[in-house]
Amino acid sequence: MATIVYDKLSEITEDIVLGLENLYATTAGTQPMDREYGLNYDEIIDQSPEIAKNQLALEIIEKTEKYEPRVTVEEVSCEIDATGGVVDLRVSITANEDYVADTEDDDTEDDESEDEEDEE
């Protein structure tokens, strides 16, 4: 299981973290209706440890951009044992500035509509 590292005071919500944990725990090709969802562990596991680390990091960055655009991956670190199994996977994320800006705009619109309702 991946450990997702983020600033608890940031715009990142629990649903984002749960979605990423699910994405990283799913093997690509096993999700009906979206065979690309998840990570291609089968292709990565047969590589040497250094190549596997790089491929896994790239896969995490690409899939996070596709399936969770509200965050940006800042760093991926992993330890791979001699048998090719991932021992420890850490993914550091930050809130995507575009997402934060969109959320603030939505909040402003909600506040304005509440003010209009109060005036009536």
PDB file of N, CA and C in Angstrom:
ATOM      1  N   MET A   1       0.848  -1.179   0.000  1.00  0.00           N
ATOM      2  CA  MET A   1       0.000   0.000   0.000  1.00  0.00           C
ATOM      3  C   MET A   1       0.890   1.238   0.000  1.00  0.00           C
ATOM      4  N   ALA A   2       0.489   2.236  -0.732  1.00  0.00           N
ATOM      5  CA  ALA A   2       1.246   3.473  -0.838  1.00  0.00           C
ATOM      6  C   ALA A   2       0.942   4.379   0.343  1.00  0.00           C
ATOM      7  N   THR A   3       1.958   5.075   0.799  1.00  0.00           N
ATOM      8  CA  THR A   3       1.782   6.113   1.800  1.00  0.00           C
ATOM      9  C   THR A   3       1.732   7.428   1.051  1.00  0.00           C
ATOM     10  N   ILE A   4       0.663   8.179   1.224  1.00  0.00           N
ATOM     11  CA  ILE A   4       0.512   9.454   0.539  1.00  0.00           C
ATOM     12  C   ILE A   4       0.846  10.553   1.536  1.00  0.00           C
ATOM     13  N   VAL A   5       1.839  11.358   1.188  1.00  0.00           N
ATOM     14  CA  VAL A   5       2.331  12.402   2.073  1.00  0.00           C
ATOM     15  C   VAL A   5       1.827  13.749   1.553  1.00  0.00           C
ATOM     16  N   TYR A   6       1.176  14.529   2.433  1.00  0.00           N
ATOM     17  CA  TYR A   6       0.681  15.844   2.043  1.00  0.00           C
ATOM     18  C   TYR A   6       0.502  16.702   3.279  1.00  0.00           C
ATOM     19  N   ASP A   7       0.411  18.001   3.064  1.00  0.00           N
ATOM     20  CA  ASP A   7       0.205  18.949   4.149  1.00  0.00           C
ATOM     21  C   ASP A   7      -1.255  18.855   4.591  1.00  0.00           C
ATOM     22  N   LYS A   8      -1.475  18.458   5.829  1.00  0.00           N
ATOM     23  CA  LYS A   8      -2.835  18.257   6.332  1.00  0.00           C
ATOM     24  C   LYS A   8      -3.653  19.555   6.328  1.00  0.00           C
ATOM     25  N   LEU A   9      -2.977  20.700   6.293  1.00  0.00           N
ATOM     26  CA  LEU A   9      -3.675  21.978   6.285  1.00  0.00           C
ATOM     27  C   LEU A   9      -3.946  22.481   4.875  1.00  0.00           C
ATOM     28  N   SER A  10      -3.581  21.703   3.878  1.00  0.00           N
ATOM     29  CA  SER A  10      -3.751  22.127   2.491  1.00  0.00           C
ATOM     30  C   SER A  10      -5.183  21.886   2.028  1.00  0.00           C
ATOM     31  N   GLU A  11      -5.406  22.125   0.751  1.00  0.00           N
ATOM     32  CA  GLU A  11      -6.721  21.964   0.138  1.00  0.00           C
ATOM     33  C   GLU A  11      -7.047  20.504  -0.164  1.00  0.00           C
ATOM     34  N   ILE A  12      -6.139  19.603   0.159  1.00  0.00           N
ATOM     35  CA  ILE A  12      -6.319  18.191  -0.168  1.00  0.00           C
ATOM     36  C   ILE A  12      -7.292  17.569   0.835  1.00  0.00           C
ATOM     37  N   THR A  13      -8.348  16.972   0.301  1.00  0.00           N
ATOM     38  CA  THR A  13      -9.392  16.413   1.146  1.00  0.00           C
ATOM     39  C   THR A  13      -9.258  14.889   1.236  1.00  0.00           C
ATOM     40  N   GLU A  14      -9.992  14.321   2.158  1.00  0.00           N
ATOM     41  CA  GLU A  14      -9.938  12.878   2.375  1.00  0.00           C
ATOM     42  C   GLU A  14     -10.365  12.089   1.139  1.00  0.00           C
ATOM     43  N   ASP A  15     -11.328  12.626   0.380  1.00  0.00           N
ATOM     44  CA  ASP A  15     -11.773  11.902  -0.817  1.00  0.00           C
ATOM     45  C   ASP A  15     -10.670  11.833  -1.870  1.00  0.00           C
ATOM     46  N   ILE A  16      -9.821  12.839  -1.935  1.00  0.00           N
ATOM     47  CA  ILE A  16      -8.688  12.810  -2.864  1.00  0.00           C
ATOM     48  C   ILE A  16      -7.707  11.724  -2.439  1.00  0.00           C
ATOM     49  N   VAL A  17      -7.379  11.681  -1.161  1.00  0.00           N
ATOM     50  CA  VAL A  17      -6.430  10.696  -0.656  1.00  0.00           C
ATOM     51  C   VAL A  17      -6.967   9.279  -0.859  1.00  0.00           C
ATOM     52  N   LEU A  18      -8.231   9.057  -0.540  1.00  0.00           N
ATOM     53  CA  LEU A  18      -8.829   7.732  -0.728  1.00  0.00           C
ATOM     54  C   LEU A  18      -8.833   7.336  -2.202  1.00  0.00           C
ATOM     55  N   GLY A  19      -9.122   8.290  -3.075  1.00  0.00           N
ATOM     56  CA  GLY A  19      -9.106   8.003  -4.508  1.00  0.00           C
ATOM     57  C   GLY A  19      -7.720   7.611  -4.992  1.00  0.00           C
ATOM     58  N   LEU A  20      -6.690   8.306  -4.501  1.00  0.00           N
ATOM     59  CA  LEU A  20      -5.319   7.981  -4.884  1.00  0.00           C
ATOM     60  C   LEU A  20      -4.896   6.628  -4.330  1.00  0.00           C
ATOM     61  N   GLU A  21      -5.261   6.340  -3.088  1.00  0.00           N
ATOM     62  CA  GLU A  21      -4.934   5.030  -2.517  1.00  0.00           C
ATOM     63  C   GLU A  21      -5.559   3.917  -3.354  1.00  0.00           C
ATOM     64  N   ASN A  22      -6.787   4.116  -3.788  1.00  0.00           N
ATOM     65  CA  ASN A  22      -7.463   3.134  -4.630  1.00  0.00           C
ATOM     66  C   ASN A  22      -6.772   3.012  -5.985  1.00  0.00           C
ATOM     67  N   LEU A  23      -6.415   4.131  -6.577  1.00  0.00           N
ATOM     68  CA  LEU A  23      -5.724   4.129  -7.870  1.00  0.00           C
ATOM     69  C   LEU A  23      -4.418   3.359  -7.793  1.00  0.00           C
ATOM     70  N   TYR A  24      -3.624   3.623  -6.750  1.00  0.00           N
ATOM     71  CA  TYR A  24      -2.311   2.986  -6.617  1.00  0.00           C
ATOM     72  C   TYR A  24      -2.408   1.513  -6.219  1.00  0.00           C
ATOM     73  N   ALA A  25      -3.516   1.122  -5.600  1.00  0.00           N
ATOM     74  CA  ALA A  25      -3.679  -0.273  -5.181  1.00  0.00           C
ATOM     75  C   ALA A  25      -4.297  -1.146  -6.272  1.00  0.00           C
ATOM     76  N   THR A  26      -4.779  -0.525  -7.340  1.00  0.00           N
ATOM     77  CA  THR A  26      -5.441  -1.257  -8.418  1.00  0.00           C
ATOM     78  C   THR A  26      -4.436  -1.593  -9.515  1.00  0.00           C
ATOM     79  N   THR A  27      -4.480  -2.810  -9.998  1.00  0.00           N
ATOM     80  CA  THR A  27      -3.648  -3.219 -11.124  1.00  0.00           C
ATOM     81  C   THR A  27      -4.362  -2.838 -12.417  1.00  0.00           C
ATOM     82  N   ALA A  28      -3.652  -2.144 -13.301  1.00  0.00           N
ATOM     83  CA  ALA A  28      -4.236  -1.740 -14.575  1.00  0.00           C
ATOM     84  C   ALA A  28      -4.758  -2.964 -15.315  1.00  0.00           C
ATOM     85  N   GLY A  29      -5.907  -2.788 -15.948  1.00  0.00           N
ATOM     86  CA  GLY A  29      -6.513  -3.878 -16.696  1.00  0.00           C
ATOM     87  C   GLY A  29      -7.574  -4.638 -15.924  1.00  0.00           C
ATOM     88  N   THR A  30      -7.708  -4.360 -14.633  1.00  0.00           N
ATOM     89  CA  THR A  30      -8.674  -5.096 -13.812  1.00  0.00           C
ATOM     90  C   THR A  30      -9.960  -4.318 -13.558  1.00  0.00           C
ATOM     91  N   GLN A  31     -10.009  -3.067 -13.955  1.00  0.00           N
ATOM     92  CA  GLN A  31     -11.183  -2.221 -13.713  1.00  0.00           C
ATOM     93  C   GLN A  31     -12.110  -2.268 -14.924  1.00  0.00           C
ATOM     94  N   PRO A  32     -13.291  -2.872 -14.797  1.00  0.00           N
ATOM     95  CA  PRO A  32     -14.221  -2.893 -15.929  1.00  0.00           C
ATOM     96  C   PRO A  32     -14.558  -1.472 -16.378  1.00  0.00           C
ATOM     97  N   MET A  33     -14.736  -1.290 -17.650  1.00  0.00           N
ATOM     98  CA  MET A  33     -15.095  -0.021 -18.276  1.00  0.00           C
ATOM     99  C   MET A  33     -13.925   0.966 -18.391  1.00  0.00           C
ATOM    100  N   ASP A  34     -12.840   0.738 -17.693  1.00  0.00           N
ATOM    101  CA  ASP A  34     -11.668   1.599 -17.812  1.00  0.00           C
ATOM    102  C   ASP A  34     -10.423   0.769 -17.524  1.00  0.00           C
ATOM    103  N   ARG A  35      -9.941   0.093 -18.521  1.00  0.00           N
ATOM    104  CA  ARG A  35      -8.819  -0.828 -18.361  1.00  0.00           C
ATOM    105  C   ARG A  35      -7.496  -0.121 -18.081  1.00  0.00           C
ATOM    106  N   GLU A  36      -7.428   1.199 -18.299  1.00  0.00           N
ATOM    107  CA  GLU A  36      -6.196   1.938 -18.012  1.00  0.00           C
ATOM    108  C   GLU A  36      -6.093   2.335 -16.534  1.00  0.00           C
ATOM    109  N   TYR A  37      -7.215   2.297 -15.808  1.00  0.00           N
ATOM    110  CA  TYR A  37      -7.226   2.697 -14.404  1.00  0.00           C
ATOM    111  C   TYR A  37      -6.337   1.766 -13.595  1.00  0.00           C
ATOM    112  N   GLY A  38      -5.500   2.333 -12.752  1.00  0.00           N
ATOM    113  CA  GLY A  38      -4.580   1.554 -11.931  1.00  0.00           C
ATOM    114  C   GLY A  38      -3.172   1.617 -12.477  1.00  0.00           C
ATOM    115  N   LEU A  39      -2.277   0.908 -11.836  1.00  0.00           N
ATOM    116  CA  LEU A  39      -0.865   0.913 -12.218  1.00  0.00           C
ATOM    117  C   LEU A  39      -0.494  -0.397 -12.900  1.00  0.00           C
ATOM    118  N   ASN A  40       0.421  -0.330 -13.842  1.00  0.00           N
ATOM    119  CA  ASN A  40       0.867  -1.504 -14.613  1.00  0.00           C
ATOM    120  C   ASN A  40       1.959  -2.265 -13.860  1.00  0.00           C
ATOM    121  N   TYR A  41       1.603  -2.817 -12.727  1.00  0.00           N
ATOM    122  CA  TYR A  41       2.589  -3.544 -11.918  1.00  0.00           C
ATOM    123  C   TYR A  41       3.187  -4.720 -12.674  1.00  0.00           C
ATOM    124  N   ASP A  42       2.398  -5.379 -13.496  1.00  0.00           N
ATOM    125  CA  ASP A  42       2.888  -6.557 -14.222  1.00  0.00           C
ATOM    126  C   ASP A  42       4.051  -6.216 -15.143  1.00  0.00           C
ATOM    127  N   GLU A  43       4.014  -5.045 -15.772  1.00  0.00           N
ATOM    128  CA  GLU A  43       5.091  -4.630 -16.663  1.00  0.00           C
ATOM    129  C   GLU A  43       6.316  -4.146 -15.891  1.00  0.00           C
ATOM    130  N   ILE A  44       6.095  -3.619 -14.705  1.00  0.00           N
ATOM    131  CA  ILE A  44       7.177  -3.033 -13.918  1.00  0.00           C
ATOM    132  C   ILE A  44       7.954  -4.097 -13.150  1.00  0.00           C
ATOM    133  N   ILE A  45       7.283  -5.113 -12.680  1.00  0.00           N
ATOM    134  CA  ILE A  45       7.882  -6.081 -11.755  1.00  0.00           C
ATOM    135  C   ILE A  45       9.035  -6.880 -12.354  1.00  0.00           C
ATOM    136  N   ASP A  46       9.063  -7.046 -13.666  1.00  0.00           N
ATOM    137  CA  ASP A  46      10.111  -7.841 -14.304  1.00  0.00           C
ATOM    138  C   ASP A  46      11.381  -7.044 -14.593  1.00  0.00           C
ATOM    139  N   GLN A  47      11.411  -5.785 -14.253  1.00  0.00           N
ATOM    140  CA  GLN A  47      12.567  -4.933 -14.537  1.00  0.00           C
ATOM    141  C   GLN A  47      13.575  -4.978 -13.388  1.00  0.00           C
ATOM    142  N   SER A  48      14.785  -4.495 -13.668  1.00  0.00           N
ATOM    143  CA  SER A  48      15.772  -4.366 -12.593  1.00  0.00           C
ATOM    144  C   SER A  48      15.257  -3.321 -11.601  1.00  0.00           C
ATOM    145  N   PRO A  49      15.707  -3.359 -10.340  1.00  0.00           N
ATOM    146  CA  PRO A  49      15.170  -2.444  -9.326  1.00  0.00           C
ATOM    147  C   PRO A  49      15.223  -0.964  -9.715  1.00  0.00           C
ATOM    148  N   GLU A  50      16.325  -0.504 -10.299  1.00  0.00           N
ATOM    149  CA  GLU A  50      16.426   0.914 -10.650  1.00  0.00           C
ATOM    150  C   GLU A  50      15.464   1.295 -11.767  1.00  0.00           C
ATOM    151  N   ILE A  51      15.347   0.445 -12.765  1.00  0.00           N
ATOM    152  CA  ILE A  51      14.402   0.715 -13.858  1.00  0.00           C
ATOM    153  C   ILE A  51      12.975   0.638 -13.332  1.00  0.00           C
ATOM    154  N   ALA A  52      12.711  -0.328 -12.479  1.00  0.00           N
ATOM    155  CA  ALA A  52      11.368  -0.478 -11.904  1.00  0.00           C
ATOM    156  C   ALA A  52      10.974   0.761 -11.102  1.00  0.00           C
ATOM    157  N   LYS A  53      11.898   1.311 -10.320  1.00  0.00           N
ATOM    158  CA  LYS A  53      11.610   2.529  -9.551  1.00  0.00           C
ATOM    159  C   LYS A  53      11.227   3.673 -10.478  1.00  0.00           C
ATOM    160  N   ASN A  54      12.006   3.852 -11.546  1.00  0.00           N
ATOM    161  CA  ASN A  54      11.724   4.940 -12.485  1.00  0.00           C
ATOM    162  C   ASN A  54      10.393   4.736 -13.198  1.00  0.00           C
ATOM    163  N   GLN A  55      10.129   3.505 -13.642  1.00  0.00           N
ATOM    164  CA  GLN A  55       8.864   3.227 -14.322  1.00  0.00           C
ATOM    165  C   GLN A  55       7.672   3.412 -13.386  1.00  0.00           C
ATOM    166  N   LEU A  56       7.821   2.982 -12.145  1.00  0.00           N
ATOM    167  CA  LEU A  56       6.741   3.133 -11.177  1.00  0.00           C
ATOM    168  C   LEU A  56       6.470   4.610 -10.905  1.00  0.00           C
ATOM    169  N   ALA A  57       7.533   5.394 -10.733  1.00  0.00           N
ATOM    170  CA  ALA A  57       7.367   6.834 -10.495  1.00  0.00           C
ATOM    171  C   ALA A  57       6.665   7.492 -11.681  1.00  0.00           C
ATOM    172  N   LEU A  58       7.094   7.167 -12.884  1.00  0.00           N
ATOM    173  CA  LEU A  58       6.474   7.734 -14.078  1.00  0.00           C
ATOM    174  C   LEU A  58       5.005   7.329 -14.178  1.00  0.00           C
ATOM    175  N   GLU A  59       4.726   6.081 -13.908  1.00  0.00           N
ATOM    176  CA  GLU A  59       3.351   5.562 -13.960  1.00  0.00           C
ATOM    177  C   GLU A  59       2.468   6.300 -12.936  1.00  0.00           C
ATOM    178  N   ILE A  60       2.986   6.509 -11.737  1.00  0.00           N
ATOM    179  CA  ILE A  60       2.223   7.208 -10.696  1.00  0.00           C
ATOM    180  C   ILE A  60       1.949   8.646 -11.104  1.00  0.00           C
ATOM    181  N   ILE A  61       2.955   9.318 -11.633  1.00  0.00           N
ATOM    182  CA  ILE A  61       2.775  10.714 -12.051  1.00  0.00           C
ATOM    183  C   ILE A  61       1.738  10.808 -13.171  1.00  0.00           C
ATOM    184  N   GLU A  62       1.870   9.964 -14.192  1.00  0.00           N
ATOM    185  CA  GLU A  62       0.936  10.014 -15.323  1.00  0.00           C
ATOM    186  C   GLU A  62      -0.490   9.670 -14.916  1.00  0.00           C
ATOM    187  N   LYS A  63      -0.656   8.624 -14.123  1.00  0.00           N
ATOM    188  CA  LYS A  63      -2.007   8.205 -13.727  1.00  0.00           C
ATOM    189  C   LYS A  63      -2.636   9.211 -12.761  1.00  0.00           C
ATOM    190  N   THR A  64      -1.832   9.825 -11.914  1.00  0.00           N
ATOM    191  CA  THR A  64      -2.365  10.845 -11.003  1.00  0.00           C
ATOM    192  C   THR A  64      -2.853  12.044 -11.807  1.00  0.00           C
ATOM    193  N   GLU A  65      -2.075  12.479 -12.802  1.00  0.00           N
ATOM    194  CA  GLU A  65      -2.499  13.595 -13.650  1.00  0.00           C
ATOM    195  C   GLU A  65      -3.816  13.280 -14.352  1.00  0.00           C
ATOM    196  N   LYS A  66      -3.961  12.049 -14.798  1.00  0.00           N
ATOM    197  CA  LYS A  66      -5.158  11.662 -15.544  1.00  0.00           C
ATOM    198  C   LYS A  66      -6.384  11.516 -14.649  1.00  0.00           C
ATOM    199  N   TYR A  67      -6.228  10.824 -13.518  1.00  0.00           N
ATOM    200  CA  TYR A  67      -7.385  10.463 -12.708  1.00  0.00           C
ATOM    201  C   TYR A  67      -7.636  11.373 -11.509  1.00  0.00           C
ATOM    202  N   GLU A  68      -6.664  12.160 -11.119  1.00  0.00           N
ATOM    203  CA  GLU A  68      -6.858  13.080  -9.992  1.00  0.00           C
ATOM    204  C   GLU A  68      -6.152  14.399 -10.284  1.00  0.00           C
ATOM    205  N   PRO A  69      -6.707  15.192 -11.212  1.00  0.00           N
ATOM    206  CA  PRO A  69      -6.048  16.437 -11.613  1.00  0.00           C
ATOM    207  C   PRO A  69      -6.040  17.522 -10.538  1.00  0.00           C
ATOM    208  N   ARG A  70      -6.712  17.271  -9.423  1.00  0.00           N
ATOM    209  CA  ARG A  70      -6.731  18.270  -8.349  1.00  0.00           C
ATOM    210  C   ARG A  70      -5.425  18.327  -7.574  1.00  0.00           C
ATOM    211  N   VAL A  71      -4.525  17.348  -7.812  1.00  0.00           N
ATOM    212  CA  VAL A  71      -3.241  17.345  -7.104  1.00  0.00           C
ATOM    213  C   VAL A  71      -2.095  17.181  -8.095  1.00  0.00           C
ATOM    214  N   THR A  72      -0.915  17.538  -7.624  1.00  0.00           N
ATOM    215  CA  THR A  72       0.316  17.374  -8.395  1.00  0.00           C
ATOM    216  C   THR A  72       1.255  16.498  -7.584  1.00  0.00           C
ATOM    217  N   VAL A  73       1.873  15.524  -8.225  1.00  0.00           N
ATOM    218  CA  VAL A  73       2.849  14.669  -7.554  1.00  0.00           C
ATOM    219  C   VAL A  73       4.169  15.438  -7.484  1.00  0.00           C
ATOM    220  N   GLU A  74       4.683  15.602  -6.289  1.00  0.00           N
ATOM    221  CA  GLU A  74       5.947  16.306  -6.090  1.00  0.00           C
ATOM    222  C   GLU A  74       7.126  15.338  -6.049  1.00  0.00           C
ATOM    223  N   GLU A  75       6.903  14.162  -5.439  1.00  0.00           N
ATOM    224  CA  GLU A  75       7.998  13.205  -5.289  1.00  0.00           C
ATOM    225  C   GLU A  75       7.432  11.798  -5.125  1.00  0.00           C
ATOM    226  N   VAL A  76       8.129  10.843  -5.713  1.00  0.00           N
ATOM    227  CA  VAL A  76       7.797   9.432  -5.526  1.00  0.00           C
ATOM    228  C   VAL A  76       9.065   8.741  -5.065  1.00  0.00           C
ATOM    229  N   SER A  77       8.990   8.045  -3.950  1.00  0.00           N
ATOM    230  CA  SER A  77      10.140   7.267  -3.496  1.00  0.00           C
ATOM    231  C   SER A  77       9.661   5.864  -3.173  1.00  0.00           C
ATOM    232  N   CYS A  78      10.489   4.894  -3.521  1.00  0.00           N
ATOM    233  CA  CYS A  78      10.113   3.518  -3.221  1.00  0.00           C
ATOM    234  C   CYS A  78      11.349   2.672  -2.983  1.00  0.00           C
ATOM    235  N   GLU A  79      11.162   1.669  -2.183  1.00  0.00           N
ATOM    236  CA  GLU A  79      12.194   0.681  -1.907  1.00  0.00           C
ATOM    237  C   GLU A  79      11.720  -0.632  -2.503  1.00  0.00           C
ATOM    238  N   ILE A  80      12.589  -1.272  -3.246  1.00  0.00           N
ATOM    239  CA  ILE A  80      12.250  -2.541  -3.883  1.00  0.00           C
ATOM    240  C   ILE A  80      13.193  -3.612  -3.355  1.00  0.00           C
ATOM    241  N   ASP A  81      12.637  -4.733  -2.907  1.00  0.00           N
ATOM    242  CA  ASP A  81      13.490  -5.795  -2.371  1.00  0.00           C
ATOM    243  C   ASP A  81      14.119  -6.604  -3.508  1.00  0.00           C
ATOM    244  N   ALA A  82      14.954  -7.541  -3.161  1.00  0.00           N
ATOM    245  CA  ALA A  82      15.713  -8.320  -4.147  1.00  0.00           C
ATOM    246  C   ALA A  82      14.824  -9.154  -5.061  1.00  0.00           C
ATOM    247  N   THR A  83      13.623  -9.469  -4.611  1.00  0.00           N
ATOM    248  CA  THR A  83      12.727 -10.274  -5.447  1.00  0.00           C
ATOM    249  C   THR A  83      11.900  -9.407  -6.397  1.00  0.00           C
ATOM    250  N   GLY A  84      12.069  -8.092  -6.320  1.00  0.00           N
ATOM    251  CA  GLY A  84      11.332  -7.194  -7.207  1.00  0.00           C
ATOM    252  C   GLY A  84      10.041  -6.661  -6.617  1.00  0.00           C
ATOM    253  N   GLY A  85       9.764  -7.006  -5.375  1.00  0.00           N
ATOM    254  CA  GLY A  85       8.539  -6.528  -4.738  1.00  0.00           C
ATOM    255  C   GLY A  85       8.734  -5.157  -4.109  1.00  0.00           C
ATOM    256  N   VAL A  86       7.720  -4.327  -4.198  1.00  0.00           N
ATOM    257  CA  VAL A  86       7.785  -3.000  -3.595  1.00  0.00           C
ATOM    258  C   VAL A  86       7.597  -3.151  -2.086  1.00  0.00           C
ATOM    259  N   VAL A  87       8.568  -2.651  -1.337  1.00  0.00           N
ATOM    260  CA  VAL A  87       8.527  -2.750   0.112  1.00  0.00           C
ATOM    261  C   VAL A  87       7.886  -1.503   0.721  1.00  0.00           C
ATOM    262  N   ASP A  88       8.279  -0.339   0.225  1.00  0.00           N
ATOM    263  CA  ASP A  88       7.779   0.919   0.773  1.00  0.00           C
ATOM    264  C   ASP A  88       7.601   1.910  -0.368  1.00  0.00           C
ATOM    265  N   LEU A  89       6.399   2.440  -0.513  1.00  0.00           N
ATOM    266  CA  LEU A  89       6.100   3.404  -1.564  1.00  0.00           C
ATOM    267  C   LEU A  89       5.542   4.658  -0.922  1.00  0.00           C
ATOM    268  N   ARG A  90       6.185   5.804  -1.187  1.00  0.00           N
ATOM    269  CA  ARG A  90       5.735   7.080  -0.648  1.00  0.00           C
ATOM    270  C   ARG A  90       5.528   8.046  -1.802  1.00  0.00           C
ATOM    271  N   VAL A  91       4.348   8.666  -1.825  1.00  0.00           N
ATOM    272  CA  VAL A  91       4.017   9.627  -2.867  1.00  0.00           C
ATOM    273  C   VAL A  91       3.690  10.957  -2.183  1.00  0.00           C
ATOM    274  N   SER A  92       4.485  11.984  -2.486  1.00  0.00           N
ATOM    275  CA  SER A  92       4.249  13.318  -1.924  1.00  0.00           C
ATOM    276  C   SER A  92       3.452  14.130  -2.933  1.00  0.00           C
ATOM    277  N   ILE A  93       2.345  14.712  -2.476  1.00  0.00           N
ATOM    278  CA  ILE A  93       1.482  15.480  -3.361  1.00  0.00           C
ATOM    279  C   ILE A  93       1.210  16.866  -2.787  1.00  0.00           C
ATOM    280  N   THR A  94       0.842  17.782  -3.681  1.00  0.00           N
ATOM    281  CA  THR A  94       0.373  19.100  -3.281  1.00  0.00           C
ATOM    282  C   THR A  94      -0.897  19.395  -4.060  1.00  0.00           C
ATOM    283  N   ALA A  95      -1.693  20.309  -3.539  1.00  0.00           N
ATOM    284  CA  ALA A  95      -2.914  20.696  -4.247  1.00  0.00           C
ATOM    285  C   ALA A  95      -2.530  21.431  -5.519  1.00  0.00           C
ATOM    286  N   ASN A  96      -3.223  21.116  -6.601  1.00  0.00           N
ATOM    287  CA  ASN A  96      -2.995  21.771  -7.874  1.00  0.00           C
ATOM    288  C   ASN A  96      -3.519  23.202  -7.785  1.00  0.00           C
ATOM    289  N   GLU A  97      -2.710  24.176  -8.174  1.00  0.00           N
ATOM    290  CA  GLU A  97      -3.102  25.585  -8.065  1.00  0.00           C
ATOM    291  C   GLU A  97      -4.382  25.876  -8.834  1.00  0.00           C
ATOM    292  N   ASP A  98      -4.563  25.241  -9.993  1.00  0.00           N
ATOM    293  CA  ASP A  98      -5.779  25.454 -10.774  1.00  0.00           C
ATOM    294  C   ASP A  98      -7.003  24.972 -10.004  1.00  0.00           C
ATOM    295  N   TYR A  99      -6.863  23.855  -9.308  1.00  0.00           N
ATOM    296  CA  TYR A  99      -7.968  23.327  -8.518  1.00  0.00           C
ATOM    297  C   TYR A  99      -8.302  24.267  -7.370  1.00  0.00           C
ATOM    298  N   VAL A 100      -7.283  24.765  -6.682  1.00  0.00           N
ATOM    299  CA  VAL A 100      -7.505  25.678  -5.558  1.00  0.00           C
ATOM    300  C   VAL A 100      -8.200  26.938  -6.050  1.00  0.00           C
ATOM    301  N   ALA A 101      -7.756  27.474  -7.197  1.00  0.00           N
ATOM    302  CA  ALA A 101      -8.372  28.677  -7.748  1.00  0.00           C
ATOM    303  C   ALA A 101      -9.824  28.419  -8.114  1.00  0.00           C
ATOM    304  N   ASP A 102     -10.116  27.265  -8.734  1.00  0.00           N
ATOM    305  CA  ASP A 102     -11.486  26.925  -9.103  1.00  0.00           C
ATOM    306  C   ASP A 102     -12.363  26.791  -7.871  1.00  0.00           C
ATOM    307  N   THR A 103     -11.836  26.194  -6.813  1.00  0.00           N
ATOM    308  CA  THR A 103     -12.595  26.012  -5.584  1.00  0.00           C
ATOM    309  C   THR A 103     -12.913  27.363  -4.953  1.00  0.00           C
ATOM    310  N   GLU A 104     -11.937  28.257  -4.940  1.00  0.00           N
ATOM    311  CA  GLU A 104     -12.157  29.582  -4.369  1.00  0.00           C
ATOM    312  C   GLU A 104     -13.201  30.340  -5.172  1.00  0.00           C
ATOM    313  N   ASP A 105     -13.180  30.221  -6.508  1.00  0.00           N
ATOM    314  CA  ASP A 105     -14.179  30.861  -7.349  1.00  0.00           C
ATOM    315  C   ASP A 105     -15.560  30.317  -7.038  1.00  0.00           C
ATOM    316  N   ASP A 106     -15.678  29.000  -6.863  1.00  0.00           N
ATOM    317  CA  ASP A 106     -16.953  28.378  -6.540  1.00  0.00           C
ATOM    318  C   ASP A 106     -17.474  28.874  -5.198  1.00  0.00           C
ATOM    319  N   ASP A 107     -16.568  28.998  -4.212  1.00  0.00           N
ATOM    320  CA  ASP A 107     -16.963  29.485  -2.894  1.00  0.00           C
ATOM    321  C   ASP A 107     -17.469  30.920  -2.985  1.00  0.00           C
ATOM    322  N   THR A 108     -16.809  31.733  -3.796  1.00  0.00           N
ATOM    323  CA  THR A 108     -17.212  33.123  -3.963  1.00  0.00           C
ATOM    324  C   THR A 108     -18.594  33.190  -4.592  1.00  0.00           C
ATOM    325  N   GLU A 109     -18.848  32.354  -5.614  1.00  0.00           N
ATOM    326  CA  GLU A 109     -20.155  32.322  -6.254  1.00  0.00           C
ATOM    327  C   GLU A 109     -21.227  31.883  -5.266  1.00  0.00           C
ATOM    328  N   ASP A 110     -20.935  30.902  -4.425  1.00  0.00           N
ATOM    329  CA  ASP A 110     -21.895  30.435  -3.431  1.00  0.00           C
ATOM    330  C   ASP A 110     -22.218  31.543  -2.442  1.00  0.00           C
ATOM    331  N   ASP A 111     -21.189  32.275  -2.001  1.00  0.00           N
ATOM    332  CA  ASP A 111     -21.400  33.372  -1.063  1.00  0.00           C
ATOM    333  C   ASP A 111     -22.263  34.457  -1.684  1.00  0.00           C
ATOM    334  N   GLU A 112     -22.027  34.768  -2.964  1.00  0.00           N
ATOM    335  CA  GLU A 112     -22.806  35.794  -3.644  1.00  0.00           C
ATOM    336  C   GLU A 112     -24.264  35.383  -3.789  1.00  0.00           C
ATOM    337  N   SER A 113     -24.511  34.099  -4.104  1.00  0.00           N
ATOM    338  CA  SER A 113     -25.887  33.648  -4.260  1.00  0.00           C
ATOM    339  C   SER A 113     -26.600  33.632  -2.909  1.00  0.00           C
ATOM    340  N   GLU A 114     -25.890  33.356  -1.829  1.00  0.00           N
ATOM    341  CA  GLU A 114     -26.500  33.405  -0.495  1.00  0.00           C
ATOM    342  C   GLU A 114     -26.865  34.843  -0.128  1.00  0.00           C
ATOM    343  N   ASP A 115     -25.975  35.798  -0.496  1.00  0.00           N
ATOM    344  CA  ASP A 115     -26.245  37.194  -0.222  1.00  0.00           C
ATOM    345  C   ASP A 115     -27.486  37.665  -0.974  1.00  0.00           C
ATOM    346  N   GLU A 116     -27.633  37.211  -2.240  1.00  0.00           N
ATOM    347  CA  GLU A 116     -28.793  37.583  -3.034  1.00  0.00           C
ATOM    348  C   GLU A 116     -30.061  37.019  -2.424  1.00  0.00           C
ATOM    349  N   GLU A 117     -30.003  35.803  -1.907  1.00  0.00           N
ATOM    350  CA  GLU A 117     -31.166  35.178  -1.277  1.00  0.00           C
ATOM    351  C   GLU A 117     -31.554  35.941  -0.007  1.00  0.00           C
ATOM    352  N   ASP A 118     -30.540  36.389   0.745  1.00  0.00           N
ATOM    353  CA  ASP A 118     -30.803  37.145   1.976  1.00  0.00           C
ATOM    354  C   ASP A 118     -31.496  38.472   1.677  1.00  0.00           C
ATOM    355  N   GLU A 119     -31.136  39.083   0.539  1.00  0.00           N
ATOM    356  CA  GLU A 119     -31.709  40.372   0.197  1.00  0.00           C
ATOM    357  C   GLU A 119     -33.185  40.252  -0.173  1.00  0.00           C
ATOM    358  N   GLU A 120     -33.573  39.111  -0.692  1.00  0.00           N
ATOM    359  CA  GLU A 120     -34.980  38.916  -1.094  1.00  0.00           C
ATOM    360  C   GLU A 120     -35.813  38.708   0.119  1.00  0.00           C
TER     361      GLU A 120
END
